[in-house]
PDB file of N, CA and C in Angstrom:
ATOM      1  N   MET A   1      44.311 -11.814 -40.771  1.00  0.00           N
ATOM      2  CA  MET A   1      45.684 -11.628 -40.380  1.00  0.00           C
ATOM      3  C   MET A   1      46.107 -10.205 -40.735  1.00  0.00           C
ATOM      4  N   THR A   2      46.772  -9.557 -39.845  1.00  0.00           N
ATOM      5  CA  THR A   2      47.252  -8.205 -40.109  1.00  0.00           C
ATOM      6  C   THR A   2      48.751  -8.242 -40.391  1.00  0.00           C
ATOM      7  N   ALA A   3      49.220  -7.234 -41.106  1.00  0.00           N
ATOM      8  CA  ALA A   3      50.641  -7.092 -41.420  1.00  0.00           C
ATOM      9  C   ALA A   3      51.015  -5.628 -41.264  1.00  0.00           C
ATOM     10  N   LYS A   4      52.275  -5.380 -41.057  1.00  0.00           N
ATOM     11  CA  LYS A   4      52.756  -4.015 -40.870  1.00  0.00           C
ATOM     12  C   LYS A   4      53.151  -3.427 -42.224  1.00  0.00           C
ATOM     13  N   LEU A   5      52.800  -2.142 -42.432  1.00  0.00           N
ATOM     14  CA  LEU A   5      53.135  -1.424 -43.647  1.00  0.00           C
ATOM     15  C   LEU A   5      53.845  -0.135 -43.248  1.00  0.00           C
ATOM     16  N   ILE A   6      54.972   0.120 -43.843  1.00  0.00           N
ATOM     17  CA  ILE A   6      55.721   1.348 -43.552  1.00  0.00           C
ATOM     18  C   ILE A   6      55.591   2.270 -44.755  1.00  0.00           C
ATOM     19  N   LEU A   7      55.122   3.498 -44.511  1.00  0.00           N
ATOM     20  CA  LEU A   7      54.963   4.496 -45.556  1.00  0.00           C
ATOM     21  C   LEU A   7      55.904   5.663 -45.295  1.00  0.00           C
ATOM     22  N   THR A   8      56.406   6.236 -46.349  1.00  0.00           N
ATOM     23  CA  THR A   8      57.258   7.409 -46.229  1.00  0.00           C
ATOM     24  C   THR A   8      56.593   8.561 -46.968  1.00  0.00           C
ATOM     25  N   MET A   9      56.397   9.684 -46.256  1.00  0.00           N
ATOM     26  CA  MET A   9      55.792  10.868 -46.865  1.00  0.00           C
ATOM     27  C   MET A   9      56.165  12.088 -46.057  1.00  0.00           C
ATOM     28  N   GLU A  10      55.780  13.243 -46.547  1.00  0.00           N
ATOM     29  CA  GLU A  10      56.075  14.503 -45.871  1.00  0.00           C
ATOM     30  C   GLU A  10      55.482  14.501 -44.459  1.00  0.00           C
ATOM     31  N   LYS A  11      56.255  15.014 -43.509  1.00  0.00           N
ATOM     32  CA  LYS A  11      55.816  15.068 -42.118  1.00  0.00           C
ATOM     33  C   LYS A  11      54.523  15.865 -41.971  1.00  0.00           C
ATOM     34  N   SER A  12      54.397  16.962 -42.716  1.00  0.00           N
ATOM     35  CA  SER A  12      53.199  17.798 -42.610  1.00  0.00           C
ATOM     36  C   SER A  12      51.952  17.040 -43.061  1.00  0.00           C
ATOM     37  N   VAL A  13      52.098  16.164 -44.044  1.00  0.00           N
ATOM     38  CA  VAL A  13      50.965  15.357 -44.516  1.00  0.00           C
ATOM     39  C   VAL A  13      50.541  14.372 -43.428  1.00  0.00           C
ATOM     40  N   ILE A  14      51.521  13.762 -42.799  1.00  0.00           N
ATOM     41  CA  ILE A  14      51.232  12.805 -41.721  1.00  0.00           C
ATOM     42  C   ILE A  14      50.520  13.512 -40.569  1.00  0.00           C
ATOM     43  N   GLU A  15      51.021  14.675 -40.168  1.00  0.00           N
ATOM     44  CA  GLU A  15      50.410  15.427 -39.060  1.00  0.00           C
ATOM     45  C   GLU A  15      48.977  15.821 -39.391  1.00  0.00           C
ATOM     46  N   LYS A  16      48.752  16.280 -40.616  1.00  0.00           N
ATOM     47  CA  LYS A  16      47.401  16.659 -41.031  1.00  0.00           C
ATOM     48  C   LYS A  16      46.476  15.443 -41.015  1.00  0.00           C
ATOM     49  N   ALA A  17      46.959  14.318 -41.511  1.00  0.00           N
ATOM     50  CA  ALA A  17      46.158  13.095 -41.536  1.00  0.00           C
ATOM     51  C   ALA A  17      45.846  12.612 -40.123  1.00  0.00           C
ATOM     52  N   GLU A  18      46.805  12.725 -39.226  1.00  0.00           N
ATOM     53  CA  GLU A  18      46.571  12.315 -37.834  1.00  0.00           C
ATOM     54  C   GLU A  18      45.514  13.190 -37.173  1.00  0.00           C
ATOM     55  N   ARG A  19      45.565  14.505 -37.428  1.00  0.00           N
ATOM     56  CA  ARG A  19      44.548  15.411 -36.864  1.00  0.00           C
ATOM     57  C   ARG A  19      43.168  15.058 -37.420  1.00  0.00           C
ATOM     58  N   TYR A  20      43.114  14.808 -38.715  1.00  0.00           N
ATOM     59  CA  TYR A  20      41.834  14.452 -39.339  1.00  0.00           C
ATOM     60  C   TYR A  20      41.299  13.146 -38.747  1.00  0.00           C
ATOM     61  N   ALA A  21      42.157  12.150 -38.610  1.00  0.00           N
ATOM     62  CA  ALA A  21      41.737  10.863 -38.056  1.00  0.00           C
ATOM     63  C   ALA A  21      41.205  11.040 -36.634  1.00  0.00           C
ATOM     64  N   LYS A  22      41.927  11.821 -35.836  1.00  0.00           N
ATOM     65  CA  LYS A  22      41.486  12.060 -34.453  1.00  0.00           C
ATOM     66  C   LYS A  22      40.128  12.762 -34.440  1.00  0.00           C
ATOM     67  N   GLY A  23      39.942  13.733 -35.338  1.00  0.00           N
ATOM     68  CA  GLY A  23      38.677  14.461 -35.410  1.00  0.00           C
ATOM     69  C   GLY A  23      37.506  13.603 -35.834  1.00  0.00           C
ATOM     70  N   THR A  24      37.778  12.531 -36.550  1.00  0.00           N
ATOM     71  CA  THR A  24      36.701  11.630 -36.983  1.00  0.00           C
ATOM     72  C   THR A  24      36.629  10.384 -36.108  1.00  0.00           C
ATOM     73  N   GLN A  25      37.401  10.381 -35.021  1.00  0.00           N
ATOM     74  CA  GLN A  25      37.407   9.294 -34.040  1.00  0.00           C
ATOM     75  C   GLN A  25      37.776   7.954 -34.680  1.00  0.00           C
ATOM     76  N   ARG A  26      38.743   8.009 -35.579  1.00  0.00           N
ATOM     77  CA  ARG A  26      39.257   6.790 -36.207  1.00  0.00           C
ATOM     78  C   ARG A  26      40.773   6.812 -36.139  1.00  0.00           C
ATOM     79  N   SER A  27      41.366   5.656 -36.304  1.00  0.00           N
ATOM     80  CA  SER A  27      42.825   5.611 -36.356  1.00  0.00           C
ATOM     81  C   SER A  27      43.274   5.865 -37.791  1.00  0.00           C
ATOM     82  N   LEU A  28      44.494   6.332 -37.924  1.00  0.00           N
ATOM     83  CA  LEU A  28      45.057   6.563 -39.244  1.00  0.00           C
ATOM     84  C   LEU A  28      45.153   5.236 -40.005  1.00  0.00           C
ATOM     85  N   SER A  29      45.511   4.181 -39.314  1.00  0.00           N
ATOM     86  CA  SER A  29      45.578   2.858 -39.948  1.00  0.00           C
ATOM     87  C   SER A  29      44.213   2.438 -40.504  1.00  0.00           C
ATOM     88  N   GLU A  30      43.155   2.686 -39.732  1.00  0.00           N
ATOM     89  CA  GLU A  30      41.805   2.335 -40.184  1.00  0.00           C
ATOM     90  C   GLU A  30      41.423   3.128 -41.433  1.00  0.00           C
ATOM     91  N   MET A  31      41.750   4.413 -41.434  1.00  0.00           N
ATOM     92  CA  MET A  31      41.421   5.248 -42.595  1.00  0.00           C
ATOM     93  C   MET A  31      42.157   4.771 -43.846  1.00  0.00           C
ATOM     94  N   ILE A  32      43.441   4.475 -43.697  1.00  0.00           N
ATOM     95  CA  ILE A  32      44.224   4.014 -44.849  1.00  0.00           C
ATOM     96  C   ILE A  32      43.722   2.659 -45.326  1.00  0.00           C
ATOM     97  N   GLN A  33      43.385   1.777 -44.394  1.00  0.00           N
ATOM     98  CA  GLN A  33      42.873   0.463 -44.780  1.00  0.00           C
ATOM     99  C   GLN A  33      41.567   0.593 -45.555  1.00  0.00           C
ATOM    100  N   LYS A  34      40.635   1.431 -45.071  1.00  0.00           N
ATOM    101  CA  LYS A  34      39.357   1.631 -45.774  1.00  0.00           C
ATOM    102  C   LYS A  34      39.596   2.185 -47.172  1.00  0.00           C
ATOM    103  N   TYR A  35      40.523   3.118 -47.281  1.00  0.00           N
ATOM    104  CA  TYR A  35      40.837   3.700 -48.590  1.00  0.00           C
ATOM    105  C   TYR A  35      41.367   2.618 -49.530  1.00  0.00           C
ATOM    106  N   LEU A  36      42.313   1.837 -49.045  1.00  0.00           N
ATOM    107  CA  LEU A  36      42.907   0.804 -49.897  1.00  0.00           C
ATOM    108  C   LEU A  36      41.907  -0.293 -50.260  1.00  0.00           C
ATOM    109  N   GLU A  37      40.987  -0.603 -49.346  1.00  0.00           N
ATOM    110  CA  GLU A  37      39.957  -1.598 -49.643  1.00  0.00           C
ATOM    111  C   GLU A  37      39.050  -1.144 -50.780  1.00  0.00           C
ATOM    112  N   ASN A  38      38.842   0.161 -50.888  1.00  0.00           N
ATOM    113  CA  ASN A  38      37.928   0.697 -51.890  1.00  0.00           C
ATOM    114  C   ASN A  38      38.572   0.924 -53.255  1.00  0.00           C
ATOM    115  N   ILE A  39      39.883   0.826 -53.342  1.00  0.00           N
ATOM    116  CA  ILE A  39      40.550   1.031 -54.624  1.00  0.00           C
ATOM    117  C   ILE A  39      40.121  -0.066 -55.601  1.00  0.00           C
ATOM    118  N   GLY A  40      39.689   0.368 -56.751  1.00  0.00           N
ATOM    119  CA  GLY A  40      39.330  -0.576 -57.800  1.00  0.00           C
ATOM    120  C   GLY A  40      37.939  -1.162 -57.701  1.00  0.00           C
ATOM    121  N   GLU A  41      37.187  -0.839 -56.661  1.00  0.00           N
ATOM    122  CA  GLU A  41      35.846  -1.394 -56.525  1.00  0.00           C
ATOM    123  C   GLU A  41      34.819  -0.679 -57.385  1.00  0.00           C
ATOM    124  N   SER A  42      35.112   0.523 -57.781  1.00  0.00           N
ATOM    125  CA  SER A  42      34.195   1.266 -58.634  1.00  0.00           C
ATOM    126  C   SER A  42      35.003   2.070 -59.631  1.00  0.00           C
ATOM    127  N   GLU A  43      34.330   2.570 -60.654  1.00  0.00           N
ATOM    128  CA  GLU A  43      35.011   3.395 -61.640  1.00  0.00           C
ATOM    129  C   GLU A  43      35.444   4.698 -60.984  1.00  0.00           C
ATOM    130  N   PRO A  44      36.604   5.202 -61.344  1.00  0.00           N
ATOM    131  CA  PRO A  44      37.041   6.463 -60.747  1.00  0.00           C
ATOM    132  C   PRO A  44      36.108   7.606 -61.138  1.00  0.00           C
ATOM    133  N   ALA A  45      35.787   8.424 -60.161  1.00  0.00           N
ATOM    134  CA  ALA A  45      34.919   9.568 -60.430  1.00  0.00           C
ATOM    135  C   ALA A  45      35.734  10.667 -61.092  1.00  0.00           C
ATOM    136  N   LYS A  46      35.199  11.241 -62.160  1.00  0.00           N
ATOM    137  CA  LYS A  46      35.940  12.264 -62.898  1.00  0.00           C
ATOM    138  C   LYS A  46      35.994  13.586 -62.147  1.00  0.00           C
ATOM    139  N   ASN A  47      34.926  13.932 -61.445  1.00  0.00           N
ATOM    140  CA  ASN A  47      34.877  15.226 -60.754  1.00  0.00           C
ATOM    141  C   ASN A  47      34.685  15.038 -59.255  1.00  0.00           C
ATOM    142  N   LYS A  48      35.291  14.020 -58.693  1.00  0.00           N
ATOM    143  CA  LYS A  48      35.109  13.742 -57.269  1.00  0.00           C
ATOM    144  C   LYS A  48      35.678  14.882 -56.438  1.00  0.00           C
ATOM    145  N   SER A  49      34.874  15.367 -55.536  1.00  0.00           N
ATOM    146  CA  SER A  49      35.293  16.478 -54.692  1.00  0.00           C
ATOM    147  C   SER A  49      35.874  15.942 -53.388  1.00  0.00           C
ATOM    148  N   SER A  50      36.912  16.589 -52.906  1.00  0.00           N
ATOM    149  CA  SER A  50      37.481  16.181 -51.628  1.00  0.00           C
ATOM    150  C   SER A  50      36.543  16.562 -50.479  1.00  0.00           C
ATOM    151  N   LYS A  51      35.508  17.349 -50.777  1.00  0.00           N
ATOM    152  CA  LYS A  51      34.537  17.723 -49.741  1.00  0.00           C
ATOM    153  C   LYS A  51      33.864  16.485 -49.161  1.00  0.00           C
ATOM    154  N   ILE A  52      33.667  15.456 -49.977  1.00  0.00           N
ATOM    155  CA  ILE A  52      33.056  14.216 -49.486  1.00  0.00           C
ATOM    156  C   ILE A  52      33.899  13.652 -48.364  1.00  0.00           C
ATOM    157  N   ASP A  53      35.230  13.608 -48.564  1.00  0.00           N
ATOM    158  CA  ASP A  53      36.119  13.096 -47.539  1.00  0.00           C
ATOM    159  C   ASP A  53      36.092  13.976 -46.298  1.00  0.00           C
ATOM    160  N   GLU A  54      35.992  15.283 -46.477  1.00  0.00           N
ATOM    161  CA  GLU A  54      35.960  16.197 -45.338  1.00  0.00           C
ATOM    162  C   GLU A  54      34.701  16.008 -44.510  1.00  0.00           C
ATOM    163  N   LEU A  55      33.599  15.632 -45.160  1.00  0.00           N
ATOM    164  CA  LEU A  55      32.332  15.491 -44.454  1.00  0.00           C
ATOM    165  C   LEU A  55      32.200  14.161 -43.717  1.00  0.00           C
ATOM    166  N   ALA A  56      33.023  13.194 -44.045  1.00  0.00           N
ATOM    167  CA  ALA A  56      32.930  11.886 -43.408  1.00  0.00           C
ATOM    168  C   ALA A  56      33.033  12.036 -41.904  1.00  0.00           C
ATOM    169  N   GLY A  57      32.036  11.518 -41.212  1.00  0.00           N
ATOM    170  CA  GLY A  57      32.034  11.576 -39.761  1.00  0.00           C
ATOM    171  C   GLY A  57      31.539  12.872 -39.176  1.00  0.00           C
ATOM    172  N   SER A  58      31.039  13.795 -39.990  1.00  0.00           N
ATOM    173  CA  SER A  58      30.656  15.098 -39.451  1.00  0.00           C
ATOM    174  C   SER A  58      29.197  15.177 -39.023  1.00  0.00           C
ATOM    175  N   PHE A  59      28.410  14.147 -39.285  1.00  0.00           N
ATOM    176  CA  PHE A  59      27.018  14.179 -38.843  1.00  0.00           C
ATOM    177  C   PHE A  59      26.552  12.773 -38.495  1.00  0.00           C
ATOM    178  N   PRO A  60      25.703  12.645 -37.453  1.00  0.00           N
ATOM    179  CA  PRO A  60      25.207  11.333 -37.058  1.00  0.00           C
ATOM    180  C   PRO A  60      23.997  10.926 -37.889  1.00  0.00           C
ATOM    181  N   MET A  61      23.862   9.637 -38.141  1.00  0.00           N
ATOM    182  CA  MET A  61      22.696   9.123 -38.850  1.00  0.00           C
ATOM    183  C   MET A  61      21.593   8.851 -37.827  1.00  0.00           C
ATOM    184  N   PRO A  62      20.344   9.135 -38.177  1.00  0.00           N
ATOM    185  CA  PRO A  62      19.244   8.835 -37.254  1.00  0.00           C
ATOM    186  C   PRO A  62      19.198   7.350 -36.933  1.00  0.00           C
ATOM    187  N   LYS A  63      18.800   7.016 -35.716  1.00  0.00           N
ATOM    188  CA  LYS A  63      18.762   5.610 -35.304  1.00  0.00           C
ATOM    189  C   LYS A  63      17.805   4.787 -36.147  1.00  0.00           C
ATOM    190  N   ASP A  64      16.724   5.414 -36.641  1.00  0.00           N
ATOM    191  CA  ASP A  64      15.731   4.685 -37.432  1.00  0.00           C
ATOM    192  C   ASP A  64      15.952   4.833 -38.940  1.00  0.00           C
ATOM    193  N   PHE A  65      17.154   5.241 -39.356  1.00  0.00           N
ATOM    194  CA  PHE A  65      17.447   5.451 -40.771  1.00  0.00           C
ATOM    195  C   PHE A  65      17.357   4.133 -41.529  1.00  0.00           C
ATOM    196  N   ASP A  66      16.645   4.135 -42.654  1.00  0.00           N
ATOM    197  CA  ASP A  66      16.456   2.928 -43.462  1.00  0.00           C
ATOM    198  C   ASP A  66      17.566   2.829 -44.504  1.00  0.00           C
ATOM    199  N   TYR A  67      18.509   1.914 -44.298  1.00  0.00           N
ATOM    200  CA  TYR A  67      19.650   1.755 -45.190  1.00  0.00           C
ATOM    201  C   TYR A  67      19.314   0.915 -46.424  1.00  0.00           C
ATOM    202  N   GLU A  68      18.218   0.200 -46.403  1.00  0.00           N
ATOM    203  CA  GLU A  68      17.901  -0.768 -47.454  1.00  0.00           C
ATOM    204  C   GLU A  68      17.846  -0.176 -48.863  1.00  0.00           C
ATOM    205  N   PRO A  69      17.187   0.971 -49.099  1.00  0.00           N
ATOM    206  CA  PRO A  69      17.094   1.456 -50.481  1.00  0.00           C
ATOM    207  C   PRO A  69      18.372   2.110 -51.016  1.00  0.00           C
ATOM    208  N   LEU A  70      19.433   2.135 -50.218  1.00  0.00           N
ATOM    209  CA  LEU A  70      20.660   2.798 -50.642  1.00  0.00           C
ATOM    210  C   LEU A  70      21.495   1.888 -51.544  1.00  0.00           C
ATOM    211  N   SER A  71      22.246   2.509 -52.418  1.00  0.00           N
ATOM    212  CA  SER A  71      23.136   1.747 -53.300  1.00  0.00           C
ATOM    213  C   SER A  71      24.277   1.149 -52.484  1.00  0.00           C
ATOM    214  N   PRO A  72      24.901   0.086 -52.970  1.00  0.00           N
ATOM    215  CA  PRO A  72      26.028  -0.519 -52.243  1.00  0.00           C
ATOM    216  C   PRO A  72      27.162   0.472 -51.989  1.00  0.00           C
ATOM    217  N   LYS A  73      27.401   1.382 -52.923  1.00  0.00           N
ATOM    218  CA  LYS A  73      28.479   2.361 -52.753  1.00  0.00           C
ATOM    219  C   LYS A  73      28.164   3.299 -51.587  1.00  0.00           C
ATOM    220  N   VAL A  74      26.917   3.749 -51.496  1.00  0.00           N
ATOM    221  CA  VAL A  74      26.519   4.646 -50.398  1.00  0.00           C
ATOM    222  C   VAL A  74      26.562   3.895 -49.073  1.00  0.00           C
ATOM    223  N   LYS A  75      26.114   2.638 -49.061  1.00  0.00           N
ATOM    224  CA  LYS A  75      26.169   1.840 -47.835  1.00  0.00           C
ATOM    225  C   LYS A  75      27.606   1.709 -47.344  1.00  0.00           C
ATOM    226  N   LYS A  76      28.530   1.480 -48.263  1.00  0.00           N
ATOM    227  CA  LYS A  76      29.942   1.332 -47.900  1.00  0.00           C
ATOM    228  C   LYS A  76      30.476   2.639 -47.304  1.00  0.00           C
ATOM    229  N   MET A  77      30.065   3.776 -47.882  1.00  0.00           N
ATOM    230  CA  MET A  77      30.500   5.074 -47.358  1.00  0.00           C
ATOM    231  C   MET A  77      29.952   5.296 -45.949  1.00  0.00           C
ATOM    232  N   LEU A  78      28.697   4.908 -45.721  1.00  0.00           N
ATOM    233  CA  LEU A  78      28.094   5.099 -44.400  1.00  0.00           C
ATOM    234  C   LEU A  78      28.761   4.226 -43.350  1.00  0.00           C
ATOM    235  N   GLU A  79      29.272   3.054 -43.754  1.00  0.00           N
ATOM    236  CA  GLU A  79      29.971   2.184 -42.815  1.00  0.00           C
ATOM    237  C   GLU A  79      31.240   2.838 -42.286  1.00  0.00           C
ATOM    238  N   MET A  80      31.810   3.751 -43.052  1.00  0.00           N
ATOM    239  CA  MET A  80      33.049   4.409 -42.640  1.00  0.00           C
ATOM    240  C   MET A  80      32.813   5.490 -41.597  1.00  0.00           C
ATOM    241  N   LEU A  81      31.571   5.917 -41.411  1.00  0.00           N
ATOM    242  CA  LEU A  81      31.276   6.954 -40.420  1.00  0.00           C
ATOM    243  C   LEU A  81      31.409   6.395 -39.012  1.00  0.00           C
ATOM    244  N   PRO A  82      31.971   7.147 -38.089  1.00  0.00           N
ATOM    245  CA  PRO A  82      32.039   6.692 -36.702  1.00  0.00           C
ATOM    246  C   PRO A  82      30.634   6.542 -36.129  1.00  0.00           C
ATOM    247  N   LYS A  83      30.488   5.605 -35.206  1.00  0.00           N
ATOM    248  CA  LYS A  83      29.167   5.316 -34.639  1.00  0.00           C
ATOM    249  C   LYS A  83      28.854   6.123 -33.388  1.00  0.00           C
ATOM    250  N   ASN A  84      29.851   6.724 -32.776  1.00  0.00           N
ATOM    251  CA  ASN A  84      29.625   7.379 -31.483  1.00  0.00           C
ATOM    252  C   ASN A  84      29.781   8.897 -31.552  1.00  0.00           C
ATOM    253  N   ILE A  85      29.141   9.508 -32.522  1.00  0.00           N
ATOM    254  CA  ILE A  85      29.196  10.962 -32.649  1.00  0.00           C
ATOM    255  C   ILE A  85      28.161  11.568 -31.698  1.00  0.00           C
ATOM    256  N   PRO A  86      28.581  12.516 -30.855  1.00  0.00           N
ATOM    257  CA  PRO A  86      27.607  13.119 -29.942  1.00  0.00           C
ATOM    258  C   PRO A  86      26.565  13.940 -30.708  1.00  0.00           C
ATOM    259  N   GLN A  87      25.342  13.922 -30.214  1.00  0.00           N
ATOM    260  CA  GLN A  87      24.276  14.700 -30.835  1.00  0.00           C
ATOM    261  C   GLN A  87      23.928  15.860 -29.912  1.00  0.00           C
ATOM    262  N   TYR A  88      23.860  17.059 -30.500  1.00  0.00           N
ATOM    263  CA  TYR A  88      23.577  18.261 -29.738  1.00  0.00           C
ATOM    264  C   TYR A  88      22.301  18.919 -30.261  1.00  0.00           C
ATOM    265  N   SER A  89      21.593  19.582 -29.341  1.00  0.00           N
ATOM    266  CA  SER A  89      20.420  20.345 -29.739  1.00  0.00           C
ATOM    267  C   SER A  89      20.885  21.654 -30.379  1.00  0.00           C
ATOM    268  N   ASP A  90      19.973  22.344 -31.067  1.00  0.00           N
ATOM    269  CA  ASP A  90      20.309  23.632 -31.670  1.00  0.00           C
ATOM    270  C   ASP A  90      20.768  24.628 -30.603  1.00  0.00           C
ATOM    271  N   GLU A  91      20.110  24.595 -29.459  1.00  0.00           N
ATOM    272  CA  GLU A  91      20.475  25.505 -28.376  1.00  0.00           C
ATOM    273  C   GLU A  91      21.888  25.224 -27.877  1.00  0.00           C
ATOM    274  N   GLU A  92      22.230  23.941 -27.713  1.00  0.00           N
ATOM    275  CA  GLU A  92      23.581  23.590 -27.268  1.00  0.00           C
ATOM    276  C   GLU A  92      24.630  24.038 -28.290  1.00  0.00           C
ATOM    277  N   LEU A  93      24.335  23.856 -29.571  1.00  0.00           N
ATOM    278  CA  LEU A  93      25.260  24.280 -30.615  1.00  0.00           C
ATOM    279  C   LEU A  93      25.441  25.792 -30.616  1.00  0.00           C
ATOM    280  N   ASP A  94      24.341  26.520 -30.437  1.00  0.00           N
ATOM    281  CA  ASP A  94      24.426  27.976 -30.365  1.00  0.00           C
ATOM    282  C   ASP A  94      25.285  28.420 -29.176  1.00  0.00           C
ATOM    283  N   ASN A  95      25.111  27.763 -28.033  1.00  0.00           N
ATOM    284  CA  ASN A  95      25.907  28.093 -26.844  1.00  0.00           C
ATOM    285  C   ASN A  95      27.390  27.805 -27.072  1.00  0.00           C
ATOM    286  N   MET A  96      27.687  26.664 -27.688  1.00  0.00           N
ATOM    287  CA  MET A  96      29.082  26.328 -27.962  1.00  0.00           C
ATOM    288  C   MET A  96      29.710  27.328 -28.931  1.00  0.00           C
ATOM    289  N   LYS A  97      28.955  27.736 -29.930  1.00  0.00           N
ATOM    290  CA  LYS A  97      29.452  28.713 -30.888  1.00  0.00           C
ATOM    291  C   LYS A  97      29.719  30.048 -30.193  1.00  0.00           C
ATOM    292  N   ARG A  98      28.774  30.488 -29.366  1.00  0.00           N
ATOM    293  CA  ARG A  98      28.936  31.745 -28.643  1.00  0.00           C
ATOM    294  C   ARG A  98      30.163  31.690 -27.734  1.00  0.00           C
ATOM    295  N   GLU A  99      30.325  30.585 -26.991  1.00  0.00           N
ATOM    296  CA  GLU A  99      31.474  30.445 -26.096  1.00  0.00           C
ATOM    297  C   GLU A  99      32.791  30.464 -26.884  1.00  0.00           C
ATOM    298  N   TYR A 100      32.805  29.794 -28.005  1.00  0.00           N
ATOM    299  CA  TYR A 100      34.003  29.772 -28.844  1.00  0.00           C
ATOM    300  C   TYR A 100      34.361  31.181 -29.308  1.00  0.00           C
ATOM    301  N   LEU A 101      33.354  31.916 -29.805  1.00  0.00           N
ATOM    302  CA  LEU A 101      33.610  33.270 -30.320  1.00  0.00           C
ATOM    303  C   LEU A 101      34.028  34.215 -29.191  1.00  0.00           C
ATOM    304  N   GLU A 102      33.437  34.045 -28.013  1.00  0.00           N
ATOM    305  CA  GLU A 102      33.835  34.883 -26.868  1.00  0.00           C
ATOM    306  C   GLU A 102      35.300  34.634 -26.499  1.00  0.00           C
ATOM    307  N   LYS A 103      35.717  33.368 -26.474  1.00  0.00           N
ATOM    308  CA  LYS A 103      37.104  33.052 -26.156  1.00  0.00           C
ATOM    309  C   LYS A 103      38.049  33.585 -27.223  1.00  0.00           C
ATOM    310  N   LYS A 104      37.625  33.505 -28.460  1.00  0.00           N
ATOM    311  CA  LYS A 104      38.483  33.908 -29.554  1.00  0.00           C
ATOM    312  C   LYS A 104      38.650  35.430 -29.643  1.00  0.00           C
ATOM    313  N   TYR A 105      37.567  36.172 -29.397  1.00  0.00           N
ATOM    314  CA  TYR A 105      37.601  37.614 -29.639  1.00  0.00           C
ATOM    315  C   TYR A 105      37.583  38.477 -28.393  1.00  0.00           C
ATOM    316  N   LEU A 106      37.355  37.908 -27.228  1.00  0.00           N
ATOM    317  CA  LEU A 106      37.338  38.727 -26.004  1.00  0.00           C
ATOM    318  C   LEU A 106      38.533  38.458 -25.127  1.00  0.00           C
TER     319      LEU A 106
END
């Protein structure tokens, strides 16, 4: 069963979160739900870097990746990654980078 939750926060925070959610192909509601589900499941990390959150969804897992030897915490993190991330060859990435830089500087 789902329920509605109303949150109040700075508009700039909401806009940033929406952009991040869109970039990771997830809804903001899904991201908040995953975060809240994980609260209290493990001891808080003393030096946890926000880089981990930034990397979520930034790379695809190989189709033949063996999840079995992974810890439950790592498995849970991998479940949060989107499943439909496009895969590009090195040549395609180089072309996209070149096109981006040409548009930006020319």
